[in-house]
Amino acid sequence: MFYKRIEFKNVVGQKVKVTEIPVVAANDRYYFMIQARLQLFISSLYKNPQEKSSYSFREYLKRKIRWSDFEDLFHDYSKTNS
């Protein structure tokens, strides 16, 4: 599986990096969920100054979605694309 990374400056000018964002096709069943969760995550990081400057989207998803969906998204894709 491919991953992307996003870097931006938040409201107070702090540089923030979000890593481990899975890249899936637009027709993938997880496409909408990833887009919606990513938008919520980045929005919260943008509006609120944080202590850290680097975040893992994968770790965020681990806490926010059902474990079965997390396994399907990260484990099955890594097996089929190896």
PDB file of N, CA and C in Angstrom:
ATOM      1  N   MET A   1       0.848  -1.172   0.000  1.00  0.00           N
ATOM      2  CA  MET A   1       0.000   0.000   0.000  1.00  0.00           C
ATOM      3  C   MET A   1       0.894   1.236   0.000  1.00  0.00           C
ATOM      4  N   PHE A   2       0.427   2.239  -0.687  1.00  0.00           N
ATOM      5  CA  PHE A   2       1.122   3.514  -0.698  1.00  0.00           C
ATOM      6  C   PHE A   2       0.542   4.422   0.375  1.00  0.00           C
ATOM      7  N   TYR A   3       1.387   5.276   0.901  1.00  0.00           N
ATOM      8  CA  TYR A   3       0.956   6.250   1.899  1.00  0.00           C
ATOM      9  C   TYR A   3       1.393   7.628   1.444  1.00  0.00           C
ATOM     10  N   LYS A   4       0.627   8.619   1.839  1.00  0.00           N
ATOM     11  CA  LYS A   4       1.026   9.988   1.548  1.00  0.00           C
ATOM     12  C   LYS A   4       1.214  10.740   2.859  1.00  0.00           C
ATOM     13  N   ARG A   5       1.811  11.921   2.749  1.00  0.00           N
ATOM     14  CA  ARG A   5       2.075  12.759   3.915  1.00  0.00           C
ATOM     15  C   ARG A   5       1.631  14.176   3.552  1.00  0.00           C
ATOM     16  N   ILE A   6       1.081  14.881   4.531  1.00  0.00           N
ATOM     17  CA  ILE A   6       0.652  16.262   4.339  1.00  0.00           C
ATOM     18  C   ILE A   6       1.360  17.127   5.366  1.00  0.00           C
ATOM     19  N   GLU A   7       1.872  18.255   4.912  1.00  0.00           N
ATOM     20  CA  GLU A   7       2.484  19.234   5.812  1.00  0.00           C
ATOM     21  C   GLU A   7       1.786  20.570   5.599  1.00  0.00           C
ATOM     22  N   PHE A   8       1.491  21.256   6.697  1.00  0.00           N
ATOM     23  CA  PHE A   8       0.830  22.560   6.622  1.00  0.00           C
ATOM     24  C   PHE A   8       1.158  23.361   7.868  1.00  0.00           C
ATOM     25  N   LYS A   9       0.806  24.631   7.840  1.00  0.00           N
ATOM     26  CA  LYS A   9       0.968  25.472   9.023  1.00  0.00           C
ATOM     27  C   LYS A   9      -0.409  25.722   9.616  1.00  0.00           C
ATOM     28  N   ASN A  10      -0.496  25.588  10.947  1.00  0.00           N
ATOM     29  CA  ASN A  10      -1.789  25.788  11.606  1.00  0.00           C
ATOM     30  C   ASN A  10      -2.057  27.271  11.831  1.00  0.00           C
ATOM     31  N   VAL A  11      -3.113  27.567  12.548  1.00  0.00           N
ATOM     32  CA  VAL A  11      -3.565  28.931  12.791  1.00  0.00           C
ATOM     33  C   VAL A  11      -2.482  29.837  13.373  1.00  0.00           C
ATOM     34  N   VAL A  12      -1.644  29.290  14.231  1.00  0.00           N
ATOM     35  CA  VAL A  12      -0.608  30.099  14.881  1.00  0.00           C
ATOM     36  C   VAL A  12       0.727  30.023  14.153  1.00  0.00           C
ATOM     37  N   GLY A  13       0.764  29.374  12.995  1.00  0.00           N
ATOM     38  CA  GLY A  13       1.979  29.304  12.199  1.00  0.00           C
ATOM     39  C   GLY A  13       2.890  28.136  12.498  1.00  0.00           C
ATOM     40  N   GLN A  14       2.463  27.212  13.365  1.00  0.00           N
ATOM     41  CA  GLN A  14       3.254  26.032  13.696  1.00  0.00           C
ATOM     42  C   GLN A  14       3.174  25.029  12.531  1.00  0.00           C
ATOM     43  N   LYS A  15       4.312  24.506  12.107  1.00  0.00           N
ATOM     44  CA  LYS A  15       4.341  23.517  11.043  1.00  0.00           C
ATOM     45  C   LYS A  15       3.879  22.175  11.591  1.00  0.00           C
ATOM     46  N   VAL A  16       2.893  21.565  10.911  1.00  0.00           N
ATOM     47  CA  VAL A  16       2.310  20.300  11.337  1.00  0.00           C
ATOM     48  C   VAL A  16       2.449  19.296  10.193  1.00  0.00           C
ATOM     49  N   LYS A  17       2.814  18.066  10.535  1.00  0.00           N
ATOM     50  CA  LYS A  17       2.983  17.006   9.548  1.00  0.00           C
ATOM     51  C   LYS A  17       2.055  15.851   9.924  1.00  0.00           C
ATOM     52  N   VAL A  18       1.285  15.368   8.946  1.00  0.00           N
ATOM     53  CA  VAL A  18       0.426  14.201   9.131  1.00  0.00           C
ATOM     54  C   VAL A  18       0.953  13.119   8.191  1.00  0.00           C
ATOM     55  N   THR A  19       1.353  11.983   8.756  1.00  0.00           N
ATOM     56  CA  THR A  19       1.948  10.898   7.973  1.00  0.00           C
ATOM     57  C   THR A  19       1.041   9.674   7.962  1.00  0.00           C
ATOM     58  N   GLU A  20       1.416   8.687   7.183  1.00  0.00           N
ATOM     59  CA  GLU A  20       0.738   7.392   7.078  1.00  0.00           C
ATOM     60  C   GLU A  20      -0.737   7.521   6.663  1.00  0.00           C
ATOM     61  N   ILE A  21      -0.973   8.332   5.651  1.00  0.00           N
ATOM     62  CA  ILE A  21      -2.319   8.471   5.097  1.00  0.00           C
ATOM     63  C   ILE A  21      -2.436   7.472   3.954  1.00  0.00           C
ATOM     64  N   PRO A  22      -3.304   6.477   4.074  1.00  0.00           N
ATOM     65  CA  PRO A  22      -3.393   5.451   3.020  1.00  0.00           C
ATOM     66  C   PRO A  22      -3.954   6.031   1.718  1.00  0.00           C
ATOM     67  N   VAL A  23      -3.390   5.588   0.613  1.00  0.00           N
ATOM     68  CA  VAL A  23      -3.863   5.984  -0.711  1.00  0.00           C
ATOM     69  C   VAL A  23      -4.694   4.832  -1.256  1.00  0.00           C
ATOM     70  N   VAL A  24      -5.967   5.108  -1.515  1.00  0.00           N
ATOM     71  CA  VAL A  24      -6.869   4.093  -2.067  1.00  0.00           C
ATOM     72  C   VAL A  24      -7.569   4.681  -3.292  1.00  0.00           C
ATOM     73  N   ALA A  25      -8.047   3.813  -4.158  1.00  0.00           N
ATOM     74  CA  ALA A  25      -8.748   4.244  -5.370  1.00  0.00           C
ATOM     75  C   ALA A  25     -10.091   4.877  -5.001  1.00  0.00           C
ATOM     76  N   ALA A  26     -10.570   5.741  -5.884  1.00  0.00           N
ATOM     77  CA  ALA A  26     -11.835   6.440  -5.635  1.00  0.00           C
ATOM     78  C   ALA A  26     -13.017   5.481  -5.544  1.00  0.00           C
ATOM     79  N   ASN A  27     -12.915   4.308  -6.139  1.00  0.00           N
ATOM     80  CA  ASN A  27     -14.016   3.344  -6.066  1.00  0.00           C
ATOM     81  C   ASN A  27     -13.857   2.356  -4.912  1.00  0.00           C
ATOM     82  N   ASP A  28     -12.845   2.518  -4.090  1.00  0.00           N
ATOM     83  CA  ASP A  28     -12.613   1.652  -2.933  1.00  0.00           C
ATOM     84  C   ASP A  28     -13.671   1.912  -1.871  1.00  0.00           C
ATOM     85  N   ARG A  29     -14.073   0.883  -1.159  1.00  0.00           N
ATOM     86  CA  ARG A  29     -15.129   1.040  -0.147  1.00  0.00           C
ATOM     87  C   ARG A  29     -14.704   1.922   1.023  1.00  0.00           C
ATOM     88  N   TYR A  30     -13.395   2.111   1.243  1.00  0.00           N
ATOM     89  CA  TYR A  30     -12.919   2.939   2.342  1.00  0.00           C
ATOM     90  C   TYR A  30     -12.576   4.371   1.918  1.00  0.00           C
ATOM     91  N   TYR A  31     -12.735   4.677   0.650  1.00  0.00           N
ATOM     92  CA  TYR A  31     -12.338   5.994   0.139  1.00  0.00           C
ATOM     93  C   TYR A  31     -13.046   7.134   0.886  1.00  0.00           C
ATOM     94  N   PHE A  32     -14.372   7.080   0.961  1.00  0.00           N
ATOM     95  CA  PHE A  32     -15.128   8.150   1.613  1.00  0.00           C
ATOM     96  C   PHE A  32     -14.769   8.262   3.092  1.00  0.00           C
ATOM     97  N   MET A  33     -14.642   7.126   3.773  1.00  0.00           N
ATOM     98  CA  MET A  33     -14.321   7.137   5.196  1.00  0.00           C
ATOM     99  C   MET A  33     -12.958   7.790   5.435  1.00  0.00           C
ATOM    100  N   ILE A  34     -11.981   7.451   4.604  1.00  0.00           N
ATOM    101  CA  ILE A  34     -10.652   8.045   4.758  1.00  0.00           C
ATOM    102  C   ILE A  34     -10.706   9.546   4.521  1.00  0.00           C
ATOM    103  N   GLN A  35     -11.398   9.972   3.482  1.00  0.00           N
ATOM    104  CA  GLN A  35     -11.487  11.394   3.170  1.00  0.00           C
ATOM    105  C   GLN A  35     -12.175  12.173   4.295  1.00  0.00           C
ATOM    106  N   ALA A  36     -13.282  11.636   4.797  1.00  0.00           N
ATOM    107  CA  ALA A  36     -14.020  12.324   5.861  1.00  0.00           C
ATOM    108  C   ALA A  36     -13.212  12.388   7.159  1.00  0.00           C
ATOM    109  N   ARG A  37     -12.615  11.277   7.555  1.00  0.00           N
ATOM    110  CA  ARG A  37     -11.808  11.242   8.785  1.00  0.00           C
ATOM    111  C   ARG A  37     -10.580  12.137   8.673  1.00  0.00           C
ATOM    112  N   LEU A  38      -9.959  12.151   7.498  1.00  0.00           N
ATOM    113  CA  LEU A  38      -8.782  12.994   7.294  1.00  0.00           C
ATOM    114  C   LEU A  38      -9.153  14.469   7.395  1.00  0.00           C
ATOM    115  N   GLN A  39     -10.281  14.831   6.822  1.00  0.00           N
ATOM    116  CA  GLN A  39     -10.730  16.224   6.902  1.00  0.00           C
ATOM    117  C   GLN A  39     -10.994  16.637   8.352  1.00  0.00           C
ATOM    118  N   LEU A  40     -11.640  15.781   9.121  1.00  0.00           N
ATOM    119  CA  LEU A  40     -11.896  16.082  10.532  1.00  0.00           C
ATOM    120  C   LEU A  40     -10.595  16.198  11.325  1.00  0.00           C
ATOM    121  N   PHE A  41      -9.670  15.285  11.070  1.00  0.00           N
ATOM    122  CA  PHE A  41      -8.393  15.262  11.784  1.00  0.00           C
ATOM    123  C   PHE A  41      -7.580  16.514  11.482  1.00  0.00           C
ATOM    124  N   ILE A  42      -7.444  16.850  10.213  1.00  0.00           N
ATOM    125  CA  ILE A  42      -6.663  18.031   9.838  1.00  0.00           C
ATOM    126  C   ILE A  42      -7.326  19.300  10.351  1.00  0.00           C
ATOM    127  N   SER A  43      -8.633  19.364  10.291  1.00  0.00           N
ATOM    128  CA  SER A  43      -9.355  20.527  10.798  1.00  0.00           C
ATOM    129  C   SER A  43      -9.089  20.742  12.284  1.00  0.00           C
ATOM    130  N   SER A  44      -9.093  19.654  13.059  1.00  0.00           N
ATOM    131  CA  SER A  44      -8.837  19.789  14.499  1.00  0.00           C
ATOM    132  C   SER A  44      -7.398  20.216  14.763  1.00  0.00           C
ATOM    133  N   LEU A  45      -6.454  19.717  13.966  1.00  0.00           N
ATOM    134  CA  LEU A  45      -5.049  20.107  14.138  1.00  0.00           C
ATOM    135  C   LEU A  45      -4.818  21.551  13.704  1.00  0.00           C
ATOM    136  N   TYR A  46      -5.527  21.983  12.684  1.00  0.00           N
ATOM    137  CA  TYR A  46      -5.352  23.338  12.164  1.00  0.00           C
ATOM    138  C   TYR A  46      -5.840  24.393  13.156  1.00  0.00           C
ATOM    139  N   LYS A  47      -6.975  24.122  13.764  1.00  0.00           N
ATOM    140  CA  LYS A  47      -7.610  25.115  14.640  1.00  0.00           C
ATOM    141  C   LYS A  47      -7.009  25.183  16.032  1.00  0.00           C
ATOM    142  N   ASN A  48      -6.416  24.098  16.507  1.00  0.00           N
ATOM    143  CA  ASN A  48      -5.913  24.040  17.876  1.00  0.00           C
ATOM    144  C   ASN A  48      -4.400  23.847  17.898  1.00  0.00           C
ATOM    145  N   PRO A  49      -3.659  24.797  18.445  1.00  0.00           N
ATOM    146  CA  PRO A  49      -2.205  24.612  18.562  1.00  0.00           C
ATOM    147  C   PRO A  49      -1.903  23.361  19.384  1.00  0.00           C
ATOM    148  N   GLN A  50      -0.946  22.579  18.932  1.00  0.00           N
ATOM    149  CA  GLN A  50      -0.613  21.317  19.575  1.00  0.00           C
ATOM    150  C   GLN A  50       0.823  21.343  20.086  1.00  0.00           C
ATOM    151  N   GLU A  51       1.111  20.446  21.008  1.00  0.00           N
ATOM    152  CA  GLU A  51       2.479  20.306  21.511  1.00  0.00           C
ATOM    153  C   GLU A  51       3.363  19.593  20.495  1.00  0.00           C
ATOM    154  N   LYS A  52       2.814  18.590  19.824  1.00  0.00           N
ATOM    155  CA  LYS A  52       3.578  17.827  18.846  1.00  0.00           C
ATOM    156  C   LYS A  52       3.483  18.500  17.477  1.00  0.00           C
ATOM    157  N   SER A  53       4.426  18.171  16.592  1.00  0.00           N
ATOM    158  CA  SER A  53       4.377  18.722  15.247  1.00  0.00           C
ATOM    159  C   SER A  53       4.196  17.628  14.194  1.00  0.00           C
ATOM    160  N   SER A  54       4.199  16.368  14.612  1.00  0.00           N
ATOM    161  CA  SER A  54       4.041  15.262  13.673  1.00  0.00           C
ATOM    162  C   SER A  54       3.013  14.269  14.224  1.00  0.00           C
ATOM    163  N   TYR A  55       2.087  13.853  13.355  1.00  0.00           N
ATOM    164  CA  TYR A  55       1.012  12.955  13.756  1.00  0.00           C
ATOM    165  C   TYR A  55       0.869  11.833  12.748  1.00  0.00           C
ATOM    166  N   SER A  56       0.473  10.665  13.208  1.00  0.00           N
ATOM    167  CA  SER A  56       0.224   9.514  12.354  1.00  0.00           C
ATOM    168  C   SER A  56      -1.284   9.369  12.157  1.00  0.00           C
ATOM    169  N   PHE A  57      -1.722   9.461  10.904  1.00  0.00           N
ATOM    170  CA  PHE A  57      -3.139   9.272  10.606  1.00  0.00           C
ATOM    171  C   PHE A  57      -3.536   7.826  10.881  1.00  0.00           C
ATOM    172  N   ARG A  58      -2.615   6.919  10.693  1.00  0.00           N
ATOM    173  CA  ARG A  58      -2.884   5.506  10.981  1.00  0.00           C
ATOM    174  C   ARG A  58      -3.225   5.302  12.458  1.00  0.00           C
ATOM    175  N   GLU A  59      -2.459   5.920  13.347  1.00  0.00           N
ATOM    176  CA  GLU A  59      -2.739   5.815  14.782  1.00  0.00           C
ATOM    177  C   GLU A  59      -4.077   6.473  15.133  1.00  0.00           C
ATOM    178  N   TYR A  60      -4.388   7.566  14.479  1.00  0.00           N
ATOM    179  CA  TYR A  60      -5.672   8.239  14.689  1.00  0.00           C
ATOM    180  C   TYR A  60      -6.817   7.310  14.291  1.00  0.00           C
ATOM    181  N   LEU A  61      -6.706   6.682  13.111  1.00  0.00           N
ATOM    182  CA  LEU A  61      -7.751   5.767  12.660  1.00  0.00           C
ATOM    183  C   LEU A  61      -7.888   4.559  13.578  1.00  0.00           C
ATOM    184  N   LYS A  62      -6.784   4.106  14.142  1.00  0.00           N
ATOM    185  CA  LYS A  62      -6.813   2.958  15.045  1.00  0.00           C
ATOM    186  C   LYS A  62      -7.738   3.233  16.228  1.00  0.00           C
ATOM    187  N   ARG A  63      -7.785   4.486  16.665  1.00  0.00           N
ATOM    188  CA  ARG A  63      -8.637   4.855  17.804  1.00  0.00           C
ATOM    189  C   ARG A  63     -10.059   5.204  17.386  1.00  0.00           C
ATOM    190  N   LYS A  64     -10.277   5.555  16.127  1.00  0.00           N
ATOM    191  CA  LYS A  64     -11.564   6.114  15.716  1.00  0.00           C
ATOM    192  C   LYS A  64     -12.486   5.180  14.947  1.00  0.00           C
ATOM    193  N   ILE A  65     -11.947   4.130  14.330  1.00  0.00           N
ATOM    194  CA  ILE A  65     -12.813   3.245  13.543  1.00  0.00           C
ATOM    195  C   ILE A  65     -12.837   1.849  14.153  1.00  0.00           C
ATOM    196  N   ARG A  66     -13.788   1.043  13.694  1.00  0.00           N
ATOM    197  CA  ARG A  66     -13.896  -0.336  14.184  1.00  0.00           C
ATOM    198  C   ARG A  66     -12.625  -1.101  13.856  1.00  0.00           C
ATOM    199  N   TRP A  67     -12.228  -1.974  14.758  1.00  0.00           N
ATOM    200  CA  TRP A  67     -10.991  -2.723  14.574  1.00  0.00           C
ATOM    201  C   TRP A  67     -11.035  -3.571  13.301  1.00  0.00           C
ATOM    202  N   SER A  68     -12.183  -4.157  12.998  1.00  0.00           N
ATOM    203  CA  SER A  68     -12.282  -4.989  11.789  1.00  0.00           C
ATOM    204  C   SER A  68     -12.034  -4.152  10.532  1.00  0.00           C
ATOM    205  N   ASP A  69     -12.543  -2.922  10.510  1.00  0.00           N
ATOM    206  CA  ASP A  69     -12.295  -2.034   9.368  1.00  0.00           C
ATOM    207  C   ASP A  69     -10.829  -1.631   9.302  1.00  0.00           C
ATOM    208  N   PHE A  70     -10.239  -1.374  10.450  1.00  0.00           N
ATOM    209  CA  PHE A  70      -8.820  -1.014  10.493  1.00  0.00           C
ATOM    210  C   PHE A  70      -7.966  -2.153   9.939  1.00  0.00           C
ATOM    211  N   GLU A  71      -8.248  -3.377  10.373  1.00  0.00           N
ATOM    212  CA  GLU A  71      -7.499  -4.526   9.870  1.00  0.00           C
ATOM    213  C   GLU A  71      -7.690  -4.712   8.374  1.00  0.00           C
ATOM    214  N   ASP A  72      -8.923  -4.582   7.902  1.00  0.00           N
ATOM    215  CA  ASP A  72      -9.187  -4.706   6.468  1.00  0.00           C
ATOM    216  C   ASP A  72      -8.395  -3.664   5.680  1.00  0.00           C
ATOM    217  N   LEU A  73      -8.403  -2.461   6.166  1.00  0.00           N
ATOM    218  CA  LEU A  73      -7.748  -1.370   5.460  1.00  0.00           C
ATOM    219  C   LEU A  73      -6.236  -1.510   5.439  1.00  0.00           C
ATOM    220  N   PHE A  74      -5.622  -1.776   6.564  1.00  0.00           N
ATOM    221  CA  PHE A  74      -4.169  -1.781   6.644  1.00  0.00           C
ATOM    222  C   PHE A  74      -3.527  -3.155   6.447  1.00  0.00           C
ATOM    223  N   HIS A  75      -4.117  -4.206   6.966  1.00  0.00           N
ATOM    224  CA  HIS A  75      -3.476  -5.518   6.888  1.00  0.00           C
ATOM    225  C   HIS A  75      -3.758  -6.233   5.580  1.00  0.00           C
ATOM    226  N   ASP A  76      -4.998  -6.219   5.116  1.00  0.00           N
ATOM    227  CA  ASP A  76      -5.319  -6.917   3.884  1.00  0.00           C
ATOM    228  C   ASP A  76      -4.653  -6.275   2.678  1.00  0.00           C
ATOM    229  N   TYR A  77      -4.598  -4.953   2.643  1.00  0.00           N
ATOM    230  CA  TYR A  77      -3.971  -4.280   1.519  1.00  0.00           C
ATOM    231  C   TYR A  77      -2.474  -4.560   1.470  1.00  0.00           C
ATOM    232  N   SER A  78      -1.849  -4.601   2.625  1.00  0.00           N
ATOM    233  CA  SER A  78      -0.410  -4.866   2.627  1.00  0.00           C
ATOM    234  C   SER A  78      -0.120  -6.297   2.171  1.00  0.00           C
ATOM    235  N   LYS A  79      -1.022  -7.231   2.433  1.00  0.00           N
ATOM    236  CA  LYS A  79      -0.816  -8.611   1.999  1.00  0.00           C
ATOM    237  C   LYS A  79      -1.009  -8.745   0.484  1.00  0.00           C
ATOM    238  N   THR A  80      -2.039  -8.110  -0.052  1.00  0.00           N
ATOM    239  CA  THR A  80      -2.340  -8.252  -1.472  1.00  0.00           C
ATOM    240  C   THR A  80      -1.373  -7.468  -2.345  1.00  0.00           C
ATOM    241  N   ASN A  81      -0.760  -6.420  -1.812  1.00  0.00           N
ATOM    242  CA  ASN A  81       0.153  -5.612  -2.610  1.00  0.00           C
ATOM    243  C   ASN A  81       1.613  -5.988  -2.403  1.00  0.00           C
ATOM    244  N   SER A  82       1.875  -7.039  -1.644  1.00  0.00           N
ATOM    245  CA  SER A  82       3.271  -7.459  -1.402  1.00  0.00           C
ATOM    246  C   SER A  82       3.757  -8.352  -2.521  1.00  0.00           C
TER     247      SER A  82
END
